[in-house]
Amino acid sequence: MPTAVVLLPSTTYRAADFVRAAEGLGIDLIVASENPPPFDMGDRYVQVDCSHPDLAAETLIRVGEHTPIDGVIAADDAGVVVAALTGQKLGLRANTPDAAEATRDKALQRAALRAAEVPQPRFAIVRAHDSERDAVAAIGYPLVVKPLDRSAGQGVIRVDLPDDLAASLTRARSIVGASAPLLFEELMEGDEVALEGIVRDGELTTLAIFDKPDAVKGPFFPETILVTPTDLEPDVRTECERVAAAALRAIGITHGPVHVEMMVDERRVRVIEVAARSIGGLCSRSLNFGLLGTTLEALILRNAMGLEKPELRREQTASGVLMIPIPRPGRFVTVRGLDQVRQLEHISAIDITTTVGSLVQPPPEGDRYLGFIFARAPERHQVVSALRKALETVEVVVE
């Protein structure tokens, strides 16, 4: 039986989805994470700390010495460098460590895109003793301040006026550290989209393009609704695919799942960010492929193992997901109104992923979702309408 390793962060929601996909494919799955998943994996669990990539990779390489490994997958940003190091050492299908690192470090990523002339926002890297005035002069207001190594909107703050900059920088550095460098970016106007794809031997296959019809414009940037298929015109979709492929080449991504965030202003497409992993949280459950409803996790496993490419056409039904927002910092108590949401037309599933009693924070301090509400319908606008009604109906109680 072939064996795959999936690197999962301790806070992931996706362990069960990968285990089910592996069972369906007849793959022996080893789960590697800092803490065991919430179900017994027996000797198929390996403890690793992805914050120390070299040590984590060495642990997996030792596993490979007595259990042949045929593929290694990172389910989250934290594991992509570990997967690359492990794959390189074991001779597996994997990105180079340098390419993986460029998806984790926004300074490296912006530099690679600039060198390849891939369209992106104006930017500047501001280190602890750099002149913020010079960076602002090169970009102008409004701008966005970002940490170099965070995701899910953590530490990302919009700054509209000079008087707001000092407080925004203080808040961002309280999250990432006083000496941490920050990315200053031009605030791009337009419609935000996310391309979900899979790369095999350097060739990008687009699996879906998600629209973000209610994308937040600041001052902070929590995710809300994602819906596919996209409402973009065919020529703009083609341009999104072209720009995404150019960005992947610039960074050096040759294998595995990718998630590319882009801004579309009429027919102009610019890259927000490239990740060498699939869509976050449980959002992958909004995607099914082929006549048998193959999951995204199954496609990722097949690709990592070099198995024959399955049908990659997304189901014809429109689908989407609402990431339930956290209204304020505090202790999570409950979500009211879920029974009413379940009765809404086109709502297909609800999954609350946060444990009652947990401390929660919205962005910019927080980087986790409270839960997910899914919808499916014949038409895209029906999905958007259902998810907007769901958002209006739920009440998140935080003490």
Foldseek 3Di string as FASTA:
>chain_A
DAEEEEEDEPQAPCPVVLVVLCVVVVYHYAYEYQDDDPDDPDPSYHYDDLVPLVVRLVSVLVVCVPPPHQFYYYADLSCQLNRQSNCVVNVFPHFHSQLSVLQQFVVSLVVLCVVLVQFAFDKDKAFLPRDPVVGCVRAPPFKWKAFGGDDQQALIFTDGDPVCVVVSLVVSCVQVHNGGIIMITHQDDAWKKKWKWWAAQLDTDTLAIWTQPPFDSDRTGHGFKTKDDDPDDPVLVVVVVVSVSSSCVSSRGHGFIKMWMWGQDPSDIHTPHIHRHGDGHPFQVQWFFDPVRHGPSSQRVCRRNVHDHDGSHTDQKMKMKTQQFDPAWAFWADKPQVVVLVPFPFWDDWFQSDDGGDTAHGPNNGNDTRIMIMGIDNDRVVNVVSSVVVNVRMDTDGD
